[in-house]
Amino acid sequence: MTIPYVTDIDPAYGKVVEVSPSIRRVVANNPGRFTFTGTGTYIIGRGQVAVIDPGPENDNHIAAILEGIPGEEISHIVVTHTHKDHSPASRALQTATGAPIYGFGRHPVLPEEEVVRSRPTTWDLLLPTPEELEELKKSMAFPSDDENEHEQDEPGDMAFNPDVEVGHGDLIKGGTWTLEAIHTPGHISNHLCFGFKEEKSLFSGDHVMGWSTSVIPSPEGSMGEYMDSLHLLLDRSDQFFYPTHGPRIPEPIAFTRALIAHRQDRERQILDCLSGGSKTIPDLVTEMYVETPHILHMAAGQSVYSHLVHMVEKGIVETEGPPSADGSYYLEVGK
C-alpha cells in the first residue's frame, strides 16, 4: 500500500495562521532532515488558549507565539514528547505567562549498555556526505551556517520536567476546549497524542506525520510499541490529524492503515533480504532503500535496527547476543 503523503505547507515563519475555527499554528524556523519545514506549534481555543509543542529554544519563535495572540491568555502548555524541537520553549513560555506545563514525564534515561549497543560504529556507508548536507541547507533555506543542530539526530530535552504529568485517557480542559491524552510510545517512550474533542481531531506529534514516516530509534523508541500505538488510532473517528511537522492529514485512519502496511512490508523486505544469508544493517539499508535519497539512509538504518530488535523479540530473526546496531542478523533455523 502506498502512503498518501501530504507535504503542501507554507511555513509562514513568525506568523500565527488559522488552520481551523479553533486551531492556529506558528512554525519555528528550524527546518531540517527530522523537522521538515520546522516545528509547528499549535494554539488551541480562543481567549483562554492551550499551546501544544512550544518548540525549540528560539527567541524569535517564542516572541511570535506571544505576539500573535494579543489580549488572550495562555492557560496551558502541552508537550507531546521531549525531543529538543518540541519541548524546550515550554520553559520560556511559562516564564512569560505563568501557565503550567503538561506532559507524560521527563526524558527517558536508558541503561548505558542498551545505549552503547544502539550506537553504530560501522555505518559509514550510510552517513550523509558534506555535499548532501550543503544541498539540504540550500533547499530547506536554513537561517544560517551555524544551525548545526539540524544536522544531528533528535537529542533529548533532559531539563524537561512537567508541572502536571499526564497519562493515557487523562483530560485537559480549558475555557472552550478539551484535550484527551493518548499514550503512543514508539518514536519515544513518553510520546503523547492529544485528541481535540470539540473538533474530532488529533494532535499527532511525531507519531503520525504526513510528510514522512516516523523514525523509531531503539532503545529510546520501540517498533513493537509503535505498531501497537498505530493500531490504537484505528479505533478513533478523527476528521484530521495535526502533526507537529507538516500540514494536517485528511482521511487520517486510511493514512494510519497505510503506515501499518508500510511497516509490515519493511518487515517482509528484511526477511527476504535475510533469506540469502546473514546481513548487517548497512547491507540491509543499501538493498532495501535503493529509491530513497542517500541523505535519509542513516535514519532508515535506525528504523531497520528497531525492526530487527522487534523481530528478534518475536523469535523470527536471530543475532549473536542481544541485538546491536553493529550486529549481523539471520533467519532463525526452520523459519
Protein backbone atom coordinates (compact mmCIF):
# COMPACT_ATOMS: atom_id res chain seq x y z
CA MET A 1 0.00 0.00 0.00
CA THR A 2 1.40 3.40 -1.00
CA ILE A 3 1.50 6.04 1.75
CA PRO A 4 -0.53 9.10 0.61
CA TYR A 5 2.00 11.68 1.82
CA VAL A 6 0.85 15.25 2.48
CA THR A 7 3.58 17.86 2.04
CA ASP A 8 1.95 21.10 0.90
CA ILE A 9 2.56 23.71 3.59
CA ASP A 10 3.61 27.35 3.68
CA PRO A 11 5.54 27.65 6.97
CA ALA A 12 4.98 31.44 7.10
CA TYR A 13 7.69 31.73 9.75
CA GLY A 14 6.83 34.10 12.58
CA LYS A 15 3.12 34.36 11.72
CA VAL A 16 0.15 32.85 13.55
CA VAL A 17 -2.02 31.21 10.88
CA GLU A 18 -5.59 29.95 11.35
CA VAL A 19 -5.95 26.32 10.24
CA SER A 20 -9.45 25.66 11.66
CA PRO A 21 -12.05 27.64 13.63
CA SER A 22 -10.33 26.75 16.93
CA ILE A 23 -6.77 25.92 15.85
CA ARG A 24 -3.94 28.29 14.94
CA ARG A 25 -0.35 27.39 14.07
CA VAL A 26 3.00 29.17 14.07
CA VAL A 27 6.01 27.37 12.58
CA ALA A 28 9.50 27.70 14.06
CA ASN A 29 12.31 28.50 11.64
CA ASN A 30 14.15 25.20 12.30
CA PRO A 31 13.84 23.21 9.05
CA GLY A 32 15.88 20.06 8.63
CA ARG A 33 16.04 16.33 7.97
CA PHE A 34 13.90 15.49 11.00
CA THR A 35 11.72 18.63 11.22
CA PHE A 36 10.68 19.16 7.57
CA THR A 37 9.83 22.89 7.31
CA GLY A 38 10.05 23.34 11.10
CA THR A 39 8.21 22.73 14.35
CA GLY A 40 4.53 23.59 14.08
CA THR A 41 3.31 24.99 17.41
CA TYR A 42 -0.47 24.85 17.79
CA ILE A 43 -2.66 27.33 19.65
CA ILE A 44 -5.99 25.83 20.71
CA GLY A 45 -9.15 27.78 21.54
CA ARG A 46 -9.92 31.47 21.83
CA GLY A 47 -9.43 33.80 24.75
CA GLN A 48 -8.05 31.18 27.14
CA VAL A 49 -5.81 29.01 24.98
CA ALA A 50 -3.51 26.00 25.14
CA VAL A 51 -0.18 25.85 23.33
CA ILE A 52 0.85 22.42 22.04
CA ASP A 53 4.57 21.74 21.39
CA PRO A 54 6.10 25.20 22.02
CA GLY A 55 9.17 24.12 20.07
CA PRO A 56 12.93 24.71 20.35
CA GLU A 57 14.73 27.36 22.37
CA ASN A 58 14.31 30.11 19.80
CA ASP A 59 13.61 33.65 20.98
CA ASN A 60 12.00 34.70 17.69
CA HIS A 61 9.61 31.75 17.75
CA ILE A 62 8.61 32.34 21.36
CA ALA A 63 8.02 36.02 20.59
CA ALA A 64 5.90 35.06 17.58
CA ILE A 65 3.66 32.88 19.77
CA LEU A 66 3.19 35.60 22.38
CA GLU A 67 2.78 38.50 19.96
CA GLY A 68 0.44 36.53 17.68
CA ILE A 69 -2.38 36.26 20.25
CA PRO A 70 -2.70 39.76 21.78
CA GLY A 71 -5.22 40.03 24.59
CA GLU A 72 -5.51 36.26 25.00
CA GLU A 73 -4.32 34.13 27.93
CA ILE A 74 -2.13 31.05 27.58
CA SER A 75 -3.55 28.87 30.34
CA HIS A 76 -1.93 25.52 29.44
CA ILE A 77 1.38 24.49 27.84
CA VAL A 78 1.11 20.96 26.43
CA VAL A 79 4.01 18.82 25.16
CA THR A 80 3.78 15.66 23.04
CA HIS A 81 7.31 14.45 23.89
CA THR A 82 10.77 15.51 24.96
CA HIS A 83 12.82 15.95 21.81
CA LYS A 84 14.53 19.32 21.56
CA ASP A 85 12.45 20.51 18.62
CA HIS A 86 9.27 20.12 20.71
CA SER A 87 9.62 20.88 24.42
CA PRO A 88 12.44 23.32 25.40
CA ALA A 89 10.47 26.51 24.64
CA SER A 90 7.91 25.45 27.26
CA ARG A 91 10.15 26.93 29.97
CA ALA A 92 10.44 30.37 28.39
CA LEU A 93 6.73 30.37 27.61
CA GLN A 94 5.98 29.52 31.23
CA THR A 95 8.24 32.31 32.43
CA ALA A 96 6.33 34.74 30.23
CA THR A 97 2.82 33.52 31.09
CA GLY A 98 2.89 31.52 34.34
CA ALA A 99 0.98 28.70 32.64
CA PRO A 100 1.58 25.12 33.89
CA ILE A 101 3.36 22.61 31.65
CA TYR A 102 1.66 19.28 30.87
CA GLY A 103 3.46 16.17 29.60
CA PHE A 104 3.91 12.45 30.12
CA GLY A 105 7.07 12.89 32.17
CA ARG A 106 10.78 13.53 31.98
CA HIS A 107 13.00 12.40 29.13
CA PRO A 108 13.73 8.66 29.48
CA VAL A 109 17.05 7.64 31.00
CA LEU A 110 18.19 4.37 29.45
CA PRO A 111 20.60 1.70 30.73
CA GLU A 112 24.07 2.52 29.43
CA GLU A 113 24.60 -0.94 27.98
CA GLU A 114 21.48 -0.56 25.80
CA VAL A 115 22.63 2.84 24.61
CA VAL A 116 26.09 1.51 23.74
CA ARG A 117 24.59 -1.40 21.75
CA SER A 118 22.43 1.02 19.77
CA ARG A 119 25.35 3.27 18.71
CA PRO A 120 26.62 2.26 15.29
CA THR A 121 30.36 2.31 14.58
CA THR A 122 30.20 0.52 11.22
CA TRP A 123 27.60 2.64 9.39
CA ASP A 124 29.99 4.94 7.49
CA LEU A 125 28.30 3.90 4.25
CA LEU A 126 25.03 5.46 5.50
CA LEU A 127 26.42 8.82 6.63
CA PRO A 128 25.32 11.90 4.63
CA THR A 129 28.12 13.40 2.60
CA PRO A 130 29.17 17.03 3.15
CA GLU A 131 27.80 17.80 -0.30
CA GLU A 132 24.40 16.32 0.59
CA LEU A 133 24.22 18.32 3.80
CA GLU A 134 25.15 21.51 1.99
CA GLU A 135 22.49 20.90 -0.64
CA LEU A 136 19.94 20.24 2.11
CA LYS A 137 20.77 23.56 3.75
CA LYS A 138 20.16 25.36 0.48
CA SER A 139 16.92 23.55 -0.33
CA MET A 140 15.47 23.96 3.19
CA ALA A 141 16.52 27.62 3.48
CA PHE A 142 18.47 27.25 6.69
CA PRO A 143 18.66 30.57 8.59
CA SER A 144 22.46 30.46 8.93
CA ASP A 145 25.53 28.29 8.53
CA ASP A 146 25.63 27.92 12.31
CA GLU A 147 22.43 25.88 12.59
CA ASN A 148 24.34 22.65 13.19
CA GLU A 149 21.60 21.13 15.30
CA HIS A 150 19.69 20.43 12.10
CA GLU A 151 22.42 18.01 11.03
CA GLN A 152 22.11 15.84 14.11
CA ASP A 153 19.76 13.16 15.34
CA GLU A 154 16.93 14.21 17.61
CA PRO A 155 18.51 14.95 21.02
CA GLY A 156 16.59 14.73 24.26
CA ASP A 157 15.43 17.63 26.40
CA MET A 158 16.90 16.40 29.68
CA ALA A 159 15.74 19.54 31.53
CA PHE A 160 12.05 18.96 30.81
CA ASN A 161 10.01 18.44 33.99
CA PRO A 162 6.24 18.93 33.62
CA ASP A 163 4.18 20.55 36.34
CA VAL A 164 1.39 18.09 35.59
CA GLU A 165 2.13 14.53 34.47
CA VAL A 166 -0.47 13.26 32.02
CA GLY A 167 -1.33 9.62 31.32
CA HIS A 168 -3.42 7.72 28.81
CA GLY A 169 -7.07 8.82 28.89
CA ASP A 170 -6.49 11.91 31.03
CA LEU A 171 -8.42 15.05 30.08
CA ILE A 172 -7.02 18.59 29.95
CA LYS A 173 -9.78 21.20 29.91
CA GLY A 174 -9.75 24.91 29.12
CA GLY A 175 -12.39 27.56 28.54
CA THR A 176 -13.70 26.29 25.18
CA TRP A 177 -11.70 23.15 24.53
CA THR A 178 -10.95 19.65 25.81
CA LEU A 179 -7.85 17.57 25.06
CA GLU A 180 -7.68 13.83 25.70
CA ALA A 181 -4.22 12.32 26.15
CA ILE A 182 -3.43 9.16 24.20
CA HIS A 183 -0.18 7.46 25.18
CA THR A 184 1.51 6.48 21.92
CA PRO A 185 5.03 5.15 22.63
CA GLY A 186 7.14 4.11 19.68
CA HIS A 187 9.01 7.16 18.39
CA ILE A 188 9.92 7.65 22.06
CA SER A 189 8.51 6.04 25.19
CA ASN A 190 6.96 9.26 26.58
CA HIS A 191 5.10 10.28 23.42
CA LEU A 192 1.53 11.52 23.76
CA CYS A 193 -1.04 12.40 21.11
CA PHE A 194 -3.93 14.67 22.08
CA GLY A 195 -7.49 14.26 20.87
CA PHE A 196 -9.31 17.58 20.40
CA LYS A 197 -12.83 16.62 21.34
CA GLU A 198 -14.60 19.75 20.09
CA GLU A 199 -13.30 19.29 16.53
CA LYS A 200 -12.87 15.49 16.49
CA SER A 201 -9.23 15.82 15.53
CA LEU A 202 -5.90 14.56 16.86
CA PHE A 203 -2.62 16.35 17.50
CA SER A 204 -0.31 13.53 16.48
CA GLY A 205 3.11 14.98 17.34
CA ASP A 206 5.78 12.82 15.67
CA HIS A 207 3.74 9.62 15.94
CA VAL A 208 1.99 10.18 12.61
CA MET A 209 3.34 12.78 10.17
CA GLY A 210 2.09 13.48 6.67
CA TRP A 211 5.43 14.37 5.08
CA SER A 212 7.44 11.32 6.20
CA THR A 213 7.38 8.12 8.19
CA SER A 214 8.50 8.47 11.81
CA VAL A 215 11.99 7.44 12.86
CA ILE A 216 11.83 4.74 15.54
CA PRO A 217 15.23 4.94 17.29
CA SER A 218 15.71 1.88 19.51
CA PRO A 219 16.17 1.75 22.50
CA GLU A 220 14.60 5.19 23.09
CA GLY A 221 11.87 4.09 20.73
CA SER A 222 10.30 0.69 20.15
CA MET A 223 8.95 -0.76 16.91
CA GLY A 224 6.65 -3.15 18.80
CA GLU A 225 5.15 -0.29 20.83
CA TYR A 226 4.95 1.88 17.72
CA MET A 227 2.89 -0.70 15.86
CA ASP A 228 0.60 -1.16 18.86
CA SER A 229 0.18 2.61 19.11
CA LEU A 230 -0.69 2.91 15.43
CA HIS A 231 -3.38 0.23 15.81
CA LEU A 232 -4.74 2.18 18.79
CA LEU A 233 -5.60 5.09 16.48
CA LEU A 234 -7.70 2.91 14.17
CA ASP A 235 -10.50 2.82 16.73
CA ARG A 236 -10.85 6.61 16.64
CA SER A 237 -13.10 8.71 14.38
CA ASP A 238 -10.90 11.77 13.89
CA GLN A 239 -11.57 14.02 10.91
CA PHE A 240 -7.97 15.26 10.77
CA PHE A 241 -4.56 14.62 12.29
CA TYR A 242 -2.41 17.67 13.05
CA PRO A 243 1.25 16.59 13.21
CA THR A 244 3.91 18.85 14.70
CA HIS A 245 5.79 18.84 11.39
CA GLY A 246 3.98 19.47 8.12
CA PRO A 247 0.34 20.10 7.18
CA ARG A 248 -2.75 18.44 8.60
CA ILE A 249 -3.60 14.96 7.39
CA PRO A 250 -7.03 14.35 5.78
CA GLU A 251 -8.53 10.84 5.95
CA PRO A 252 -6.24 10.04 8.88
CA ILE A 253 -7.47 6.50 9.53
CA ALA A 254 -6.70 5.45 5.96
CA PHE A 255 -3.32 7.16 6.30
CA THR A 256 -2.61 5.23 9.52
CA ARG A 257 -3.55 1.94 7.83
CA ALA A 258 -1.05 2.79 5.08
CA LEU A 259 1.67 3.38 7.70
CA ILE A 260 0.95 -0.01 9.30
CA ALA A 261 1.05 -1.73 5.90
CA HIS A 262 4.33 0.05 5.11
CA ARG A 263 5.97 -1.23 8.29
CA GLN A 264 4.68 -4.73 7.62
CA ASP A 265 6.16 -4.51 4.12
CA ARG A 266 9.50 -3.42 5.58
CA GLU A 267 9.48 -6.48 7.84
CA ARG A 268 8.79 -8.70 4.85
CA GLN A 269 11.63 -6.98 2.97
CA ILE A 270 14.02 -7.71 5.84
CA LEU A 271 13.00 -11.37 5.80
CA ASP A 272 13.51 -11.53 2.03
CA CYS A 273 16.94 -9.94 2.33
CA LEU A 274 17.96 -12.29 5.13
CA SER A 275 16.82 -15.33 3.14
CA GLY A 276 20.09 -15.03 1.25
CA GLY A 277 22.20 -15.20 4.41
CA SER A 278 23.44 -13.14 7.34
CA LYS A 279 23.49 -9.35 6.85
CA THR A 280 24.42 -6.19 8.72
CA ILE A 281 22.21 -3.10 8.91
CA PRO A 282 24.19 -1.18 6.23
CA ASP A 283 23.78 -4.24 3.99
CA LEU A 284 20.01 -4.22 4.55
CA VAL A 285 19.59 -0.46 4.08
CA THR A 286 21.59 -0.47 0.85
CA GLU A 287 19.48 -3.32 -0.50
CA MET A 288 16.08 -2.12 0.76
CA TYR A 289 16.26 1.66 0.22
CA VAL A 290 17.51 1.83 -3.36
CA GLU A 291 14.99 4.53 -4.28
CA THR A 292 15.43 6.56 -1.07
CA PRO A 293 17.80 9.57 -1.15
CA HIS A 294 21.11 8.66 0.44
CA ILE A 295 20.84 11.52 2.93
CA LEU A 296 17.99 9.60 4.60
CA HIS A 297 19.86 6.29 4.86
CA MET A 298 21.12 6.89 8.40
CA ALA A 299 17.54 7.46 9.58
CA ALA A 300 16.50 4.37 7.64
CA GLY A 301 19.19 2.41 9.46
CA GLN A 302 17.67 3.42 12.79
CA SER A 303 14.27 2.14 11.75
CA VAL A 304 15.73 -1.09 10.34
CA TYR A 305 17.53 -1.64 13.65
CA SER A 306 14.25 -1.16 15.53
CA HIS A 307 12.53 -3.61 13.16
CA LEU A 308 15.28 -6.14 13.83
CA VAL A 309 15.02 -5.71 17.62
CA HIS A 310 11.27 -6.33 17.33
CA MET A 311 11.77 -9.34 15.06
CA VAL A 312 14.33 -10.84 17.46
CA GLU A 313 11.79 -10.34 20.27
CA LYS A 314 9.22 -12.22 18.18
CA GLY A 315 11.68 -15.03 17.51
CA ILE A 316 11.73 -14.80 13.71
CA VAL A 317 15.22 -13.31 13.36
CA GLU A 318 18.40 -14.21 15.24
CA THR A 319 21.66 -12.49 16.12
CA GLU A 320 24.60 -13.22 18.40
CA GLY A 321 23.79 -12.00 21.91
CA PRO A 322 21.49 -9.02 22.46
CA PRO A 323 20.59 -7.05 19.32
CA SER A 324 23.10 -4.34 18.48
CA ALA A 325 23.47 -1.71 15.77
CA ASP A 326 26.69 -3.33 14.55
CA GLY A 327 25.43 -6.91 14.73
CA SER A 328 24.78 -9.40 11.96
CA TYR A 329 21.28 -10.84 11.61
CA TYR A 330 19.99 -14.06 10.11
CA LEU A 331 16.81 -16.09 9.91
CA GLU A 332 16.00 -18.49 12.69
CA VAL A 333 16.63 -22.07 11.63
CA GLY A 334 13.43 -23.62 10.29
CA LYS A 335 11.69 -20.26 9.64
